[in-house]
PDB file of N, CA and C in Angstrom:
ATOM      1  N   MET A   1      43.573  27.902   4.987  1.00  0.00           N
ATOM      2  CA  MET A   1      43.737  28.963   5.974  1.00  0.00           C
ATOM      3  C   MET A   1      45.201  29.002   6.473  1.00  0.00           C
ATOM      4  N   ILE A   2      45.695  30.147   6.502  1.00  0.00           N
ATOM      5  CA  ILE A   2      47.072  30.474   7.007  1.00  0.00           C
ATOM      6  C   ILE A   2      47.041  30.825   8.439  1.00  0.00           C
ATOM      7  N   ARG A   3      47.853  30.157   9.261  1.00  0.00           N
ATOM      8  CA  ARG A   3      47.997  30.478  10.668  1.00  0.00           C
ATOM      9  C   ARG A   3      49.108  31.491  10.835  1.00  0.00           C
ATOM     10  N   VAL A   4      48.793  32.578  11.553  1.00  0.00           N
ATOM     11  CA  VAL A   4      49.800  33.587  11.814  1.00  0.00           C
ATOM     12  C   VAL A   4      49.922  33.753  13.311  1.00  0.00           C
ATOM     13  N   VAL A   5      51.127  33.694  13.863  1.00  0.00           N
ATOM     14  CA  VAL A   5      51.357  33.873  15.274  1.00  0.00           C
ATOM     15  C   VAL A   5      51.940  35.326  15.458  1.00  0.00           C
ATOM     16  N   LEU A   6      51.268  36.060  16.302  1.00  0.00           N
ATOM     17  CA  LEU A   6      51.662  37.524  16.469  1.00  0.00           C
ATOM     18  C   LEU A   6      52.333  37.688  17.821  1.00  0.00           C
ATOM     19  N   PRO A   7      53.309  38.636  17.907  1.00  0.00           N
ATOM     20  CA  PRO A   7      53.966  38.953  19.189  1.00  0.00           C
ATOM     21  C   PRO A   7      52.969  39.723  20.059  1.00  0.00           C
ATOM     22  N   ALA A   8      53.261  39.783  21.345  1.00  0.00           N
ATOM     23  CA  ALA A   8      52.372  40.315  22.305  1.00  0.00           C
ATOM     24  C   ALA A   8      51.895  41.779  22.030  1.00  0.00           C
ATOM     25  N   HIS A   9      52.837  42.629  21.629  1.00  0.00           N
ATOM     26  CA  HIS A   9      52.481  44.003  21.365  1.00  0.00           C
ATOM     27  C   HIS A   9      51.527  44.123  20.187  1.00  0.00           C
ATOM     28  N   LEU A  10      51.641  43.354  19.162  1.00  0.00           N
ATOM     29  CA  LEU A  10      50.677  43.395  18.026  1.00  0.00           C
ATOM     30  C   LEU A  10      49.366  42.752  18.418  1.00  0.00           C
ATOM     31  N   ARG A  11      49.382  41.713  19.229  1.00  0.00           N
ATOM     32  CA  ARG A  11      48.118  41.099  19.720  1.00  0.00           C
ATOM     33  C   ARG A  11      47.308  42.164  20.536  1.00  0.00           C
ATOM     34  N   THR A  12      47.993  42.898  21.350  1.00  0.00           N
ATOM     35  CA  THR A  12      47.325  43.931  22.154  1.00  0.00           C
ATOM     36  C   THR A  12      46.737  44.964  21.304  1.00  0.00           C
ATOM     37  N   LEU A  13      47.480  45.442  20.327  1.00  0.00           N
ATOM     38  CA  LEU A  13      47.075  46.468  19.389  1.00  0.00           C
ATOM     39  C   LEU A  13      45.852  46.034  18.546  1.00  0.00           C
ATOM     40  N   ALA A  14      45.932  44.827  18.056  1.00  0.00           N
ATOM     41  CA  ALA A  14      44.836  44.299  17.212  1.00  0.00           C
ATOM     42  C   ALA A  14      43.671  43.709  18.068  1.00  0.00           C
ATOM     43  N   ARG A  15      43.889  43.598  19.337  1.00  0.00           N
ATOM     44  CA  ARG A  15      42.862  42.984  20.252  1.00  0.00           C
ATOM     45  C   ARG A  15      42.431  41.631  19.792  1.00  0.00           C
ATOM     46  N   THR A  16      43.455  40.744  19.632  1.00  0.00           N
ATOM     47  CA  THR A  16      43.208  39.436  19.177  1.00  0.00           C
ATOM     48  C   THR A  16      44.019  38.444  19.974  1.00  0.00           C
ATOM     49  N   GLU A  17      43.893  37.180  19.632  1.00  0.00           N
ATOM     50  CA  GLU A  17      44.639  36.095  20.276  1.00  0.00           C
ATOM     51  C   GLU A  17      46.014  35.996  19.737  1.00  0.00           C
ATOM     52  N   ARG A  18      46.776  35.096  20.350  1.00  0.00           N
ATOM     53  CA  ARG A  18      48.184  34.848  19.902  1.00  0.00           C
ATOM     54  C   ARG A  18      48.293  34.360  18.461  1.00  0.00           C
ATOM     55  N   GLU A  19      47.310  33.554  18.070  1.00  0.00           N
ATOM     56  CA  GLU A  19      47.318  33.044  16.673  1.00  0.00           C
ATOM     57  C   GLU A  19      46.049  33.422  15.992  1.00  0.00           C
ATOM     58  N   VAL A  20      46.184  33.911  14.779  1.00  0.00           N
ATOM     59  CA  VAL A  20      44.991  34.234  14.002  1.00  0.00           C
ATOM     60  C   VAL A  20      45.054  33.386  12.706  1.00  0.00           C
ATOM     61  N   THR A  21      43.869  33.151  12.069  1.00  0.00           N
ATOM     62  CA  THR A  21      43.893  32.475  10.826  1.00  0.00           C
ATOM     63  C   THR A  21      43.330  33.360   9.731  1.00  0.00           C
ATOM     64  N   LEU A  22      43.915  33.280   8.582  1.00  0.00           N
ATOM     65  CA  LEU A  22      43.537  34.155   7.432  1.00  0.00           C
ATOM     66  C   LEU A  22      43.328  33.386   6.222  1.00  0.00           C
ATOM     67  N   ASP A  23      42.402  33.908   5.363  1.00  0.00           N
ATOM     68  CA  ASP A  23      42.279  33.366   4.044  1.00  0.00           C
ATOM     69  C   ASP A  23      43.195  34.129   3.146  1.00  0.00           C
ATOM     70  N   VAL A  24      44.140  33.444   2.458  1.00  0.00           N
ATOM     71  CA  VAL A  24      45.057  34.112   1.638  1.00  0.00           C
ATOM     72  C   VAL A  24      45.001  33.426   0.226  1.00  0.00           C
ATOM     73  N   ALA A  25      44.773  34.293  -0.779  1.00  0.00           N
ATOM     74  CA  ALA A  25      44.692  33.692  -2.168  1.00  0.00           C
ATOM     75  C   ALA A  25      46.086  33.347  -2.637  1.00  0.00           C
ATOM     76  N   ALA A  26      46.136  32.315  -3.500  1.00  0.00           N
ATOM     77  CA  ALA A  26      47.413  31.909  -4.087  1.00  0.00           C
ATOM     78  C   ALA A  26      47.931  32.963  -5.070  1.00  0.00           C
ATOM     79  N   PRO A  27      49.231  33.183  -5.146  1.00  0.00           N
ATOM     80  CA  PRO A  27      50.264  32.476  -4.483  1.00  0.00           C
ATOM     81  C   PRO A  27      50.416  33.022  -3.073  1.00  0.00           C
ATOM     82  N   VAL A  28      50.711  32.117  -2.125  1.00  0.00           N
ATOM     83  CA  VAL A  28      50.821  32.491  -0.732  1.00  0.00           C
ATOM     84  C   VAL A  28      52.277  32.899  -0.498  1.00  0.00           C
ATOM     85  N   THR A  29      52.508  34.197  -0.271  1.00  0.00           N
ATOM     86  CA  THR A  29      53.821  34.807  -0.054  1.00  0.00           C
ATOM     87  C   THR A  29      53.768  35.657   1.208  1.00  0.00           C
ATOM     88  N   GLN A  30      54.935  36.066   1.601  1.00  0.00           N
ATOM     89  CA  GLN A  30      55.026  37.005   2.793  1.00  0.00           C
ATOM     90  C   GLN A  30      54.045  38.214   2.472  1.00  0.00           C
ATOM     91  N   SER A  31      54.209  38.780   1.324  1.00  0.00           N
ATOM     92  CA  SER A  31      53.376  39.964   0.995  1.00  0.00           C
ATOM     93  C   SER A  31      51.881  39.697   1.055  1.00  0.00           C
ATOM     94  N   ALA A  32      51.494  38.540   0.497  1.00  0.00           N
ATOM     95  CA  ALA A  32      50.090  38.155   0.486  1.00  0.00           C
ATOM     96  C   ALA A  32      49.574  37.968   1.903  1.00  0.00           C
ATOM     97  N   VAL A  33      50.344  37.365   2.773  1.00  0.00           N
ATOM     98  CA  VAL A  33      49.951  37.111   4.128  1.00  0.00           C
ATOM     99  C   VAL A  33      49.829  38.448   4.863  1.00  0.00           C
ATOM    100  N   LEU A  34      50.789  39.337   4.681  1.00  0.00           N
ATOM    101  CA  LEU A  34      50.782  40.584   5.402  1.00  0.00           C
ATOM    102  C   LEU A  34      49.696  41.514   4.868  1.00  0.00           C
ATOM    103  N   ASP A  35      49.353  41.426   3.512  1.00  0.00           N
ATOM    104  CA  ASP A  35      48.245  42.125   2.965  1.00  0.00           C
ATOM    105  C   ASP A  35      46.929  41.699   3.630  1.00  0.00           C
ATOM    106  N   ALA A  36      46.740  40.375   3.727  1.00  0.00           N
ATOM    107  CA  ALA A  36      45.581  39.829   4.383  1.00  0.00           C
ATOM    108  C   ALA A  36      45.469  40.172   5.838  1.00  0.00           C
ATOM    109  N   LEU A  37      46.563  40.171   6.532  1.00  0.00           N
ATOM    110  CA  LEU A  37      46.614  40.522   7.939  1.00  0.00           C
ATOM    111  C   LEU A  37      46.271  41.977   8.137  1.00  0.00           C
ATOM    112  N   GLU A  38      46.766  42.868   7.350  1.00  0.00           N
ATOM    113  CA  GLU A  38      46.473  44.289   7.491  1.00  0.00           C
ATOM    114  C   GLU A  38      45.032  44.611   7.018  1.00  0.00           C
ATOM    115  N   ALA A  39      44.491  43.792   6.140  1.00  0.00           N
ATOM    116  CA  ALA A  39      43.104  44.040   5.727  1.00  0.00           C
ATOM    117  C   ALA A  39      42.164  43.584   6.778  1.00  0.00           C
ATOM    118  N   THR A  40      42.561  42.546   7.505  1.00  0.00           N
ATOM    119  CA  THR A  40      41.674  41.982   8.624  1.00  0.00           C
ATOM    120  C   THR A  40      41.838  42.853   9.879  1.00  0.00           C
ATOM    121  N   TYR A  41      43.004  43.351  10.081  1.00  0.00           N
ATOM    122  CA  TYR A  41      43.347  44.145  11.291  1.00  0.00           C
ATOM    123  C   TYR A  41      44.005  45.463  10.800  1.00  0.00           C
ATOM    124  N   PRO A  42      43.249  46.420  10.352  1.00  0.00           N
ATOM    125  CA  PRO A  42      43.794  47.672   9.779  1.00  0.00           C
ATOM    126  C   PRO A  42      44.608  48.431  10.759  1.00  0.00           C
ATOM    127  N   VAL A  43      44.483  48.215  12.059  1.00  0.00           N
ATOM    128  CA  VAL A  43      45.272  48.908  13.045  1.00  0.00           C
ATOM    129  C   VAL A  43      46.782  48.500  12.938  1.00  0.00           C
ATOM    130  N   LEU A  44      46.982  47.415  12.363  1.00  0.00           N
ATOM    131  CA  LEU A  44      48.366  46.896  12.211  1.00  0.00           C
ATOM    132  C   LEU A  44      49.217  47.510  11.018  1.00  0.00           C
ATOM    133  N   ARG A  45      48.457  48.241  10.158  1.00  0.00           N
ATOM    134  CA  ARG A  45      49.110  48.861   9.061  1.00  0.00           C
ATOM    135  C   ARG A  45      50.234  49.793   9.538  1.00  0.00           C
ATOM    136  N   GLY A  46      51.435  49.619   8.989  1.00  0.00           N
ATOM    137  CA  GLY A  46      52.555  50.448   9.390  1.00  0.00           C
ATOM    138  C   GLY A  46      53.347  49.973  10.590  1.00  0.00           C
ATOM    139  N   THR A  47      52.836  48.892  11.271  1.00  0.00           N
ATOM    140  CA  THR A  47      53.587  48.376  12.340  1.00  0.00           C
ATOM    141  C   THR A  47      54.538  47.244  11.970  1.00  0.00           C
ATOM    142  N   ILE A  48      54.198  46.552  10.979  1.00  0.00           N
ATOM    143  CA  ILE A  48      55.020  45.457  10.531  1.00  0.00           C
ATOM    144  C   ILE A  48      55.854  45.841   9.297  1.00  0.00           C
ATOM    145  N   ARG A  49      55.227  46.618   8.453  1.00  0.00           N
ATOM    146  CA  ARG A  49      55.851  47.132   7.209  1.00  0.00           C
ATOM    147  C   ARG A  49      55.725  48.609   7.168  1.00  0.00           C
ATOM    148  N   ASP A  50      56.722  49.249   6.488  1.00  0.00           N
ATOM    149  CA  ASP A  50      56.632  50.762   6.319  1.00  0.00           C
ATOM    150  C   ASP A  50      55.432  51.089   5.474  1.00  0.00           C
ATOM    151  N   HIS A  51      54.704  52.167   5.784  1.00  0.00           N
ATOM    152  CA  HIS A  51      53.545  52.580   5.081  1.00  0.00           C
ATOM    153  C   HIS A  51      53.771  52.820   3.572  1.00  0.00           C
ATOM    154  N   ALA A  52      54.862  53.498   3.275  1.00  0.00           N
ATOM    155  CA  ALA A  52      55.163  53.880   1.893  1.00  0.00           C
ATOM    156  C   ALA A  52      55.789  52.824   1.108  1.00  0.00           C
ATOM    157  N   THR A  53      56.790  52.151   1.588  1.00  0.00           N
ATOM    158  CA  THR A  53      57.597  51.221   0.808  1.00  0.00           C
ATOM    159  C   THR A  53      57.093  49.783   0.952  1.00  0.00           C
ATOM    160  N   LEU A  54      56.343  49.499   2.006  1.00  0.00           N
ATOM    161  CA  LEU A  54      55.906  48.140   2.339  1.00  0.00           C
ATOM    162  C   LEU A  54      57.046  47.220   2.583  1.00  0.00           C
ATOM    163  N   LYS A  55      58.223  47.749   2.961  1.00  0.00           N
ATOM    164  CA  LYS A  55      59.290  46.891   3.361  1.00  0.00           C
ATOM    165  C   LYS A  55      59.174  46.574   4.877  1.00  0.00           C
ATOM    166  N   ARG A  56      59.679  45.440   5.217  1.00  0.00           N
ATOM    167  CA  ARG A  56      59.668  44.995   6.619  1.00  0.00           C
ATOM    168  C   ARG A  56      60.382  45.998   7.515  1.00  0.00           C
ATOM    169  N   ARG A  57      59.808  46.244   8.648  1.00  0.00           N
ATOM    170  CA  ARG A  57      60.464  47.134   9.641  1.00  0.00           C
ATOM    171  C   ARG A  57      61.691  46.417  10.154  1.00  0.00           C
ATOM    172  N   PRO A  58      62.758  47.205  10.487  1.00  0.00           N
ATOM    173  CA  PRO A  58      63.977  46.549  10.852  1.00  0.00           C
ATOM    174  C   PRO A  58      63.990  45.609  12.075  1.00  0.00           C
ATOM    175  N   LEU A  59      63.146  45.865  13.022  1.00  0.00           N
ATOM    176  CA  LEU A  59      63.134  45.036  14.208  1.00  0.00           C
ATOM    177  C   LEU A  59      61.997  43.955  14.196  1.00  0.00           C
ATOM    178  N   VAL A  60      61.550  43.658  12.990  1.00  0.00           N
ATOM    179  CA  VAL A  60      60.503  42.619  12.881  1.00  0.00           C
ATOM    180  C   VAL A  60      61.169  41.482  12.055  1.00  0.00           C
ATOM    181  N   ARG A  61      60.831  40.257  12.523  1.00  0.00           N
ATOM    182  CA  ARG A  61      61.372  39.047  11.846  1.00  0.00           C
ATOM    183  C   ARG A  61      60.193  38.114  11.487  1.00  0.00           C
ATOM    184  N   PHE A  62      60.346  37.350  10.401  1.00  0.00           N
ATOM    185  CA  PHE A  62      59.346  36.405   9.957  1.00  0.00           C
ATOM    186  C   PHE A  62      60.004  34.957   9.957  1.00  0.00           C
ATOM    187  N   TYR A  63      59.202  34.096  10.522  1.00  0.00           N
ATOM    188  CA  TYR A  63      59.665  32.620  10.504  1.00  0.00           C
ATOM    189  C   TYR A  63      58.600  31.743   9.878  1.00  0.00           C
ATOM    190  N   ALA A  64      59.141  30.715   9.181  1.00  0.00           N
ATOM    191  CA  ALA A  64      58.231  29.715   8.642  1.00  0.00           C
ATOM    192  C   ALA A  64      58.984  28.364   8.739  1.00  0.00           C
ATOM    193  N   CYS A  65      58.356  27.382   9.260  1.00  0.00           N
ATOM    194  CA  CYS A  65      59.027  26.037   9.454  1.00  0.00           C
ATOM    195  C   CYS A  65      60.325  26.203  10.180  1.00  0.00           C
ATOM    196  N   MET A  66      60.356  26.987  11.233  1.00  0.00           N
ATOM    197  CA  MET A  66      61.526  27.144  12.117  1.00  0.00           C
ATOM    198  C   MET A  66      62.735  27.821  11.352  1.00  0.00           C
ATOM    199  N   GLU A  67      62.481  28.488  10.261  1.00  0.00           N
ATOM    200  CA  GLU A  67      63.532  29.139   9.528  1.00  0.00           C
ATOM    201  C   GLU A  67      63.245  30.627   9.512  1.00  0.00           C
ATOM    202  N   ASP A  68      64.276  31.430   9.662  1.00  0.00           N
ATOM    203  CA  ASP A  68      64.141  32.927   9.494  1.00  0.00           C
ATOM    204  C   ASP A  68      64.043  33.234   8.055  1.00  0.00           C
ATOM    205  N   ILE A  69      62.896  33.739   7.547  1.00  0.00           N
ATOM    206  CA  ILE A  69      62.704  34.078   6.190  1.00  0.00           C
ATOM    207  C   ILE A  69      62.625  35.588   6.012  1.00  0.00           C
ATOM    208  N   SER A  70      63.063  36.289   6.956  1.00  0.00           N
ATOM    209  CA  SER A  70      62.966  37.795   7.025  1.00  0.00           C
ATOM    210  C   SER A  70      63.645  38.445   5.843  1.00  0.00           C
ATOM    211  N   HIS A  71      64.758  37.857   5.337  1.00  0.00           N
ATOM    212  CA  HIS A  71      65.517  38.432   4.312  1.00  0.00           C
ATOM    213  C   HIS A  71      65.157  37.844   2.888  1.00  0.00           C
ATOM    214  N   GLU A  72      64.211  36.972   2.860  1.00  0.00           N
ATOM    215  CA  GLU A  72      63.746  36.419   1.585  1.00  0.00           C
ATOM    216  C   GLU A  72      62.948  37.502   0.844  1.00  0.00           C
ATOM    217  N   PRO A  73      62.981  37.475  -0.511  1.00  0.00           N
ATOM    218  CA  PRO A  73      62.116  38.449  -1.225  1.00  0.00           C
ATOM    219  C   PRO A  73      60.660  38.254  -0.837  1.00  0.00           C
ATOM    220  N   PRO A  74      59.923  39.316  -0.609  1.00  0.00           N
ATOM    221  CA  PRO A  74      58.473  39.277  -0.164  1.00  0.00           C
ATOM    222  C   PRO A  74      57.563  38.488  -1.065  1.00  0.00           C
ATOM    223  N   GLU A  75      57.951  38.244  -2.356  1.00  0.00           N
ATOM    224  CA  GLU A  75      57.170  37.543  -3.315  1.00  0.00           C
ATOM    225  C   GLU A  75      57.496  36.047  -3.374  1.00  0.00           C
ATOM    226  N   THR A  76      58.454  35.578  -2.609  1.00  0.00           N
ATOM    227  CA  THR A  76      58.810  34.165  -2.568  1.00  0.00           C
ATOM    228  C   THR A  76      57.683  33.350  -1.985  1.00  0.00           C
ATOM    229  N   PRO A  77      57.235  32.268  -2.607  1.00  0.00           N
ATOM    230  CA  PRO A  77      56.179  31.460  -2.048  1.00  0.00           C
ATOM    231  C   PRO A  77      56.617  30.887  -0.657  1.00  0.00           C
ATOM    232  N   LEU A  78      55.624  30.811   0.306  1.00  0.00           N
ATOM    233  CA  LEU A  78      55.926  30.255   1.564  1.00  0.00           C
ATOM    234  C   LEU A  78      55.994  28.738   1.482  1.00  0.00           C
ATOM    235  N   PRO A  79      56.676  28.124   2.437  1.00  0.00           N
ATOM    236  CA  PRO A  79      56.742  26.640   2.401  1.00  0.00           C
ATOM    237  C   PRO A  79      55.374  25.936   2.408  1.00  0.00           C
ATOM    238  N   ASP A  80      55.324  24.765   1.858  1.00  0.00           N
ATOM    239  CA  ASP A  80      54.038  23.987   1.782  1.00  0.00           C
ATOM    240  C   ASP A  80      53.333  23.784   3.120  1.00  0.00           C
ATOM    241  N   PRO A  81      54.105  23.472   4.237  1.00  0.00           N
ATOM    242  CA  PRO A  81      53.426  23.269   5.510  1.00  0.00           C
ATOM    243  C   PRO A  81      52.700  24.553   6.001  1.00  0.00           C
ATOM    244  N   VAL A  82      53.262  25.695   5.625  1.00  0.00           N
ATOM    245  CA  VAL A  82      52.549  26.984   6.073  1.00  0.00           C
ATOM    246  C   VAL A  82      51.316  27.161   5.203  1.00  0.00           C
ATOM    247  N   ILE A  83      51.455  26.892   3.956  1.00  0.00           N
ATOM    248  CA  ILE A  83      50.277  27.033   3.034  1.00  0.00           C
ATOM    249  C   ILE A  83      49.177  26.050   3.440  1.00  0.00           C
ATOM    250  N   ALA A  84      49.567  24.829   3.884  1.00  0.00           N
ATOM    251  CA  ALA A  84      48.571  23.809   4.225  1.00  0.00           C
ATOM    252  C   ALA A  84      47.950  24.144   5.637  1.00  0.00           C
ATOM    253  N   GLY A  85      48.624  25.010   6.415  1.00  0.00           N
ATOM    254  CA  GLY A  85      48.068  25.286   7.696  1.00  0.00           C
ATOM    255  C   GLY A  85      48.611  24.447   8.800  1.00  0.00           C
ATOM    256  N   THR A  86      49.562  23.518   8.482  1.00  0.00           N
ATOM    257  CA  THR A  86      50.111  22.639   9.537  1.00  0.00           C
ATOM    258  C   THR A  86      51.214  23.381  10.345  1.00  0.00           C
ATOM    259  N   GLU A  87      51.814  24.364   9.725  1.00  0.00           N
ATOM    260  CA  GLU A  87      52.827  25.128  10.415  1.00  0.00           C
ATOM    261  C   GLU A  87      52.435  26.645  10.356  1.00  0.00           C
ATOM    262  N   PRO A  88      52.723  27.409  11.386  1.00  0.00           N
ATOM    263  CA  PRO A  88      52.329  28.820  11.335  1.00  0.00           C
ATOM    264  C   PRO A  88      53.376  29.696  10.657  1.00  0.00           C
ATOM    265  N   PHE A  89      52.921  30.864  10.189  1.00  0.00           N
ATOM    266  CA  PHE A  89      53.833  31.935   9.803  1.00  0.00           C
ATOM    267  C   PHE A  89      53.907  32.798  11.102  1.00  0.00           C
ATOM    268  N   ILE A  90      55.184  32.927  11.552  1.00  0.00           N
ATOM    269  CA  ILE A  90      55.395  33.608  12.807  1.00  0.00           C
ATOM    270  C   ILE A  90      56.002  35.033  12.609  1.00  0.00           C
ATOM    271  N   ILE A  91      55.433  35.966  13.270  1.00  0.00           N
ATOM    272  CA  ILE A  91      56.012  37.333  13.278  1.00  0.00           C
ATOM    273  C   ILE A  91      56.607  37.565  14.655  1.00  0.00           C
ATOM    274  N   ILE A  92      57.811  38.014  14.632  1.00  0.00           N
ATOM    275  CA  ILE A  92      58.488  38.233  15.961  1.00  0.00           C
ATOM    276  C   ILE A  92      59.025  39.663  15.936  1.00  0.00           C
ATOM    277  N   GLY A  93      58.712  40.344  17.065  1.00  0.00           N
ATOM    278  CA  GLY A  93      59.275  41.660  17.277  1.00  0.00           C
ATOM    279  C   GLY A  93      60.627  41.525  17.982  1.00  0.00           C
ATOM    280  N   ALA A  94      61.743  41.791  17.292  1.00  0.00           N
ATOM    281  CA  ALA A  94      63.083  41.613  17.784  1.00  0.00           C
ATOM    282  C   ALA A  94      63.273  42.511  18.959  1.00  0.00           C
ATOM    283  N   MET A  95      64.123  42.101  19.857  1.00  0.00           N
ATOM    284  CA  MET A  95      64.490  42.865  21.059  1.00  0.00           C
ATOM    285  C   MET A  95      65.764  43.693  20.712  1.00  0.00           C
ATOM    286  N   ALA A  96      65.773  44.902  21.225  1.00  0.00           N
ATOM    287  CA  ALA A  96      66.954  45.751  21.032  1.00  0.00           C
ATOM    288  C   ALA A  96      67.249  46.443  22.297  1.00  0.00           C
ATOM    289  N   GLY A  97      68.386  46.941  22.397  1.00  0.00           N
ATOM    290  CA  GLY A  97      68.818  47.688  23.606  1.00  0.00           C
ATOM    291  C   GLY A  97      70.048  47.127  24.198  1.00  0.00           C
ATOM    292  N   GLY A  98      70.505  47.717  25.285  1.00  0.00           N
ATOM    293  CA  GLY A  98      71.764  47.273  25.822  1.00  0.00           C
ATOM    294  C   GLY A  98      71.959  47.624  27.240  1.00  0.00           C
TER     295      GLY A  98
END
C-alpha cells in the first residue's frame, strides 16, 4: 500500500482525509501513483496533472523521503521506503502571489 498525503484543497475536493492509501501495481512510479489516485478519486483528474498531457501542474510539487522529486521523470521508480509504505508520497500545492 502506498501512502499519499494530500494538501487541504485536494482533500476537500475529494472528501477524504489528509492521508489516503492506494494499491499501486509495480513498478511504483509518480505516474502509477497518480493514475491510482485519479482512479480512486476521479474528481481529482486535472487538478494535479494536465488532462491532455498528464504533465504536473506548475504549482504542484511531489515529495518522497523528504526530497522534492517534482522534476524527476514521471516513470522513475519511487524510493523503497515509499513503496514499502513506511514513508508517504506527498503532494503539495505550492503557494504563489506577492
